[in-house]
Amino acid sequence: MRNRINFYLFLIAMIVLDAVLIRSPNLIGKIGLWFYKYHYLRTFPKALLTVFLVVGVSMAIAEAVRFMVKKALVRRLAGQVILLILTILSLILLTRAIMVFSEGSYSHTGIRFKFGAYLLPAILGVVFVYTWITLPRLQVPLPESPVVTSNAEINDN
């Protein structure tokens, strides 16, 4: 439980850092935010809310998979496959963000804004990998020993 609390505190710090970075474009980046109508990134509270909602939805999905595995609604292997697919999708988003912000007008938006754009899919990948690593294992009951049953029959007589 303590590790999960530390992970959530780390996640909160990364969300705030990402919102600060996304909210810090240079002049060309600010013009781009205005031109492309990215109103959800114009102020720090809006950027924080946007990042928090994206990471919150991904955490909800990851926790739903953890819950289904814990309650044996889904096998552990199926939960691992779901989380692996989500991790691969977040890596694809990270690769796409790197490619988009390396060329064209996005390459001139400022280093902090670019790192903020890179950090969001990386945070999503961390959420899914952490959940994958910490998936609960089902406790298989041990079979009853034949010695115990034979001793119980002797004691009953």
Protein backbone atom coordinates (compact mmCIF):
# COMPACT_ATOMS: atom_id res chain seq x y z
CA MET A 1 0.00 0.00 0.00
CA ARG A 2 2.83 2.37 0.83
CA ASN A 3 4.38 1.86 -2.62
CA ARG A 4 1.09 2.78 -4.28
CA ILE A 5 0.84 5.99 -2.23
CA ASN A 6 4.40 6.89 -3.23
CA PHE A 7 3.54 6.15 -6.85
CA TYR A 8 0.46 8.39 -6.72
CA LEU A 9 2.50 11.20 -5.15
CA PHE A 10 5.09 10.79 -7.90
CA LEU A 11 2.28 10.88 -10.47
CA ILE A 12 0.85 14.10 -9.02
CA ALA A 13 4.28 15.72 -9.20
CA MET A 14 4.67 14.62 -12.83
CA ILE A 15 1.19 15.96 -13.70
CA VAL A 16 2.02 19.37 -12.24
CA LEU A 17 5.39 19.40 -14.00
CA ASP A 18 3.76 18.50 -17.31
CA ALA A 19 1.17 21.25 -16.92
CA VAL A 20 3.92 23.78 -16.17
CA LEU A 21 5.89 22.68 -19.23
CA ILE A 22 2.89 22.67 -21.56
CA ARG A 23 1.89 26.12 -20.34
CA SER A 24 5.34 27.52 -21.22
CA PRO A 25 5.54 27.88 -25.00
CA ASN A 26 7.61 30.61 -26.60
CA LEU A 27 6.02 33.37 -28.71
CA ILE A 28 5.56 31.16 -31.77
CA GLY A 29 4.03 28.49 -29.56
CA LYS A 30 1.60 31.01 -28.05
CA ILE A 31 0.55 32.11 -31.52
CA GLY A 32 0.09 28.45 -32.45
CA LEU A 33 -2.09 27.86 -29.36
CA TRP A 34 -4.24 30.81 -30.38
CA PHE A 35 -4.33 29.92 -34.10
CA TYR A 36 -5.17 26.23 -33.62
CA LYS A 37 -7.64 27.09 -30.82
CA TYR A 38 -5.98 24.96 -28.14
CA HIS A 39 -7.95 26.84 -25.47
CA TYR A 40 -7.46 24.00 -23.00
CA LEU A 41 -3.71 24.78 -22.83
CA ARG A 42 -3.74 28.58 -22.64
CA THR A 43 -3.63 28.97 -18.84
CA PHE A 44 -1.98 26.89 -16.14
CA PRO A 45 -5.26 25.78 -14.50
CA LYS A 46 -6.67 24.66 -17.86
CA ALA A 47 -3.45 22.82 -18.74
CA LEU A 48 -3.39 21.20 -15.29
CA LEU A 49 -7.01 20.11 -15.64
CA THR A 50 -6.37 18.73 -19.13
CA VAL A 51 -3.32 16.72 -18.06
CA PHE A 52 -5.06 15.56 -14.88
CA LEU A 53 -8.10 14.36 -16.83
CA VAL A 54 -6.00 12.45 -19.38
CA VAL A 55 -3.87 10.78 -16.71
CA GLY A 56 -6.94 10.24 -14.51
CA VAL A 57 -8.79 8.39 -17.26
CA SER A 58 -5.75 6.21 -17.93
CA MET A 59 -5.40 5.49 -14.20
CA ALA A 60 -9.10 4.59 -14.03
CA ILE A 61 -8.67 2.15 -16.91
CA ALA A 62 -5.58 0.63 -15.30
CA GLU A 63 -7.29 0.33 -11.90
CA ALA A 64 -10.34 -1.25 -13.56
CA VAL A 65 -8.08 -3.90 -15.08
CA ARG A 66 -6.43 -4.43 -11.67
CA PHE A 67 -9.85 -4.76 -10.01
CA MET A 68 -11.08 -7.26 -12.60
CA VAL A 69 -7.96 -9.38 -12.15
CA LYS A 70 -8.24 -9.19 -8.36
CA LYS A 71 -11.90 -10.27 -8.39
CA ALA A 72 -11.11 -13.01 -10.96
CA LEU A 73 -13.44 -11.50 -13.55
CA VAL A 74 -10.51 -11.56 -15.97
CA ARG A 75 -7.52 -13.87 -15.91
CA ARG A 76 -4.16 -12.35 -14.98
CA LEU A 77 -2.77 -13.11 -18.43
CA ALA A 78 -5.66 -11.25 -20.08
CA GLY A 79 -5.04 -8.28 -17.77
CA GLN A 80 -1.37 -8.32 -18.71
CA VAL A 81 -2.24 -8.39 -22.41
CA ILE A 82 -4.65 -5.44 -22.01
CA LEU A 83 -2.02 -3.43 -20.15
CA LEU A 84 0.64 -4.38 -22.70
CA ILE A 85 -1.56 -3.11 -25.53
CA LEU A 86 -2.18 0.15 -23.65
CA THR A 87 1.55 0.52 -22.99
CA ILE A 88 2.31 0.00 -26.68
CA LEU A 89 -0.34 2.60 -27.58
CA SER A 90 1.24 5.11 -25.21
CA LEU A 91 4.66 4.41 -26.77
CA ILE A 92 3.13 4.99 -30.21
CA LEU A 93 1.74 8.32 -28.95
CA LEU A 94 5.17 9.23 -27.59
CA THR A 95 6.80 8.40 -30.92
CA ARG A 96 4.18 10.42 -32.76
CA ALA A 97 4.70 13.40 -30.44
CA ILE A 98 8.46 13.25 -31.00
CA MET A 99 7.99 13.12 -34.76
CA VAL A 100 5.43 15.95 -34.84
CA PHE A 101 7.45 18.26 -32.60
CA SER A 102 10.67 17.62 -34.53
CA GLU A 103 9.51 19.08 -37.83
CA GLY A 104 7.41 21.89 -39.21
CA SER A 105 6.03 24.77 -37.20
CA TYR A 106 5.79 22.68 -34.04
CA SER A 107 9.59 22.45 -33.90
CA HIS A 108 9.72 26.18 -33.08
CA THR A 109 7.33 26.13 -30.11
CA GLY A 110 10.02 26.10 -27.45
CA ILE A 111 11.89 23.38 -25.63
CA ARG A 112 9.69 23.41 -22.51
CA PHE A 113 6.50 23.04 -24.54
CA LYS A 114 8.03 20.17 -26.53
CA PHE A 115 9.16 18.37 -23.36
CA GLY A 116 5.66 18.82 -21.93
CA ALA A 117 4.23 17.23 -25.07
CA TYR A 118 6.69 14.34 -24.72
CA LEU A 119 6.02 13.90 -21.01
CA LEU A 120 2.27 13.23 -21.24
CA PRO A 121 2.46 9.96 -23.23
CA ALA A 122 5.46 8.94 -21.13
CA ILE A 123 3.36 9.37 -17.97
CA LEU A 124 0.63 7.22 -19.50
CA GLY A 125 3.20 4.53 -20.27
CA VAL A 126 4.47 4.65 -16.68
CA VAL A 127 0.92 4.24 -15.36
CA PHE A 128 0.27 1.15 -17.48
CA VAL A 129 3.68 -0.43 -16.82
CA TYR A 130 3.35 0.12 -13.06
CA THR A 131 -0.10 -1.47 -13.06
CA TRP A 132 1.20 -4.37 -15.14
CA ILE A 133 4.06 -4.98 -12.70
CA THR A 134 1.83 -4.80 -9.64
CA LEU A 135 -1.08 -6.91 -10.91
CA PRO A 136 -2.28 -9.13 -8.07
CA ARG A 137 -1.66 -12.83 -8.26
CA LEU A 138 -4.55 -15.09 -7.44
CA GLN A 139 -4.02 -17.25 -4.38
CA VAL A 140 -4.49 -20.87 -5.33
CA PRO A 141 -5.67 -22.90 -2.34
CA LEU A 142 -3.36 -25.73 -1.41
CA PRO A 143 -4.83 -29.21 -1.65
CA GLU A 144 -5.56 -30.94 1.60
CA SER A 145 -2.92 -33.43 2.66
CA PRO A 146 -3.93 -37.10 2.81
CA VAL A 147 -1.99 -37.41 6.07
CA VAL A 148 -4.22 -34.82 7.74
CA THR A 149 -7.39 -36.64 6.67
CA SER A 150 -6.09 -40.02 7.83
CA ASN A 151 -5.09 -38.55 11.21
CA ALA A 152 -8.53 -36.97 11.55
CA GLU A 153 -10.18 -40.35 10.90
CA ILE A 154 -7.99 -42.03 13.52
CA ASN A 155 -8.81 -39.33 16.10
CA ASP A 156 -12.55 -39.67 15.40
CA ASN A 157 -12.46 -43.40 16.27
